[in-house]
């Protein structure tokens, strides 16, 4: 029984790239500008390539996703 558990643990440590998947790439998804508060958690796209958040500053609020930014809103 212990042998089966050990084999299962060793199999879970195998190289994930063996199936042809691309290796993990570290990259910056978003930068929150100075003077901006984010009052809800940052959301990530299912593929992990974009981040979205709601920003609040003295001028108002806006939604941000990647390089896209909504029009200024008085509140959110």
Protein backbone atom coordinates (compact mmCIF):
# COMPACT_ATOMS: atom_id res chain seq x y z
CA UNK A 1 0.00 0.00 0.00
CA UNK A 2 2.80 2.43 0.89
CA UNK A 3 4.45 1.61 -2.42
CA UNK A 4 1.36 2.74 -4.33
CA UNK A 5 1.21 5.99 -2.39
CA UNK A 6 4.90 6.61 -3.07
CA UNK A 7 4.42 5.96 -6.79
CA UNK A 8 1.47 8.36 -6.85
CA UNK A 9 3.51 11.08 -5.17
CA UNK A 10 6.44 10.58 -7.53
CA UNK A 11 4.14 10.70 -10.57
CA UNK A 12 2.74 14.05 -9.41
CA UNK A 13 6.29 15.47 -9.46
CA UNK A 14 6.82 14.70 -13.16
CA UNK A 15 7.80 17.43 -15.62
CA UNK A 16 4.59 19.19 -16.76
CA UNK A 17 6.23 20.25 -20.06
CA UNK A 18 6.53 16.65 -21.16
CA UNK A 19 3.07 16.89 -22.74
CA UNK A 20 4.16 19.78 -25.01
CA UNK A 21 2.85 22.60 -22.84
CA UNK A 22 4.85 25.83 -22.86
CA UNK A 23 6.90 26.56 -19.73
CA UNK A 24 5.69 29.19 -17.27
CA UNK A 25 6.56 32.73 -18.31
CA UNK A 26 6.79 35.45 -15.71
CA UNK A 27 5.47 38.80 -16.96
CA UNK A 28 3.94 41.99 -15.63
CA UNK A 29 0.16 42.04 -16.16
CA UNK A 30 -0.76 45.40 -14.64
CA UNK A 31 0.62 48.29 -12.64
CA UNK A 32 -1.57 50.24 -10.25
CA UNK A 33 -0.64 53.92 -10.60
CA UNK A 34 0.34 56.02 -7.57
CA UNK A 35 -2.61 57.69 -5.83
CA UNK A 36 -5.06 55.01 -6.96
CA UNK A 37 -6.86 52.67 -4.57
CA UNK A 38 -8.16 49.25 -5.60
CA UNK A 39 -11.12 48.38 -3.39
CA UNK A 40 -12.06 44.98 -4.85
CA UNK A 41 -9.67 42.09 -5.53
CA UNK A 42 -7.85 42.04 -8.84
CA UNK A 43 -9.41 39.52 -11.25
CA UNK A 44 -7.39 37.42 -13.69
CA UNK A 45 -8.50 36.06 -17.07
CA UNK A 46 -8.84 32.25 -17.32
CA UNK A 47 -5.68 32.04 -19.44
CA UNK A 48 -3.76 34.22 -16.95
CA UNK A 49 -2.71 36.79 -19.56
CA UNK A 50 -4.78 39.76 -18.37
CA UNK A 51 -5.64 41.37 -15.06
CA UNK A 52 -8.65 43.59 -14.33
CA UNK A 53 -9.42 45.84 -11.38
CA UNK A 54 -11.61 48.74 -10.28
CA UNK A 55 -9.56 51.84 -9.52
CA UNK A 56 -10.65 54.73 -7.31
CA UNK A 57 -8.92 58.12 -7.09
CA UNK A 58 -9.95 61.65 -6.12
CA UNK A 59 -11.13 62.26 -9.72
CA UNK A 60 -13.53 59.29 -9.66
CA UNK A 61 -13.58 55.56 -10.43
CA UNK A 62 -12.87 53.49 -13.50
CA UNK A 63 -12.51 49.87 -14.54
CA UNK A 64 -9.17 48.78 -15.98
CA UNK A 65 -8.41 45.62 -17.96
CA UNK A 66 -4.97 45.33 -19.50
CA UNK A 67 -4.40 48.51 -21.51
CA UNK A 68 -8.15 49.28 -21.68
CA UNK A 69 -9.61 51.84 -19.26
CA UNK A 70 -13.32 52.75 -18.93
CA UNK A 71 -14.60 56.28 -18.91
CA UNK A 72 -14.48 58.07 -15.57
CA UNK A 73 -17.36 57.24 -13.26
CA UNK A 74 -18.46 59.22 -10.20
CA UNK A 75 -18.84 56.04 -8.14
CA UNK A 76 -18.78 52.31 -8.57
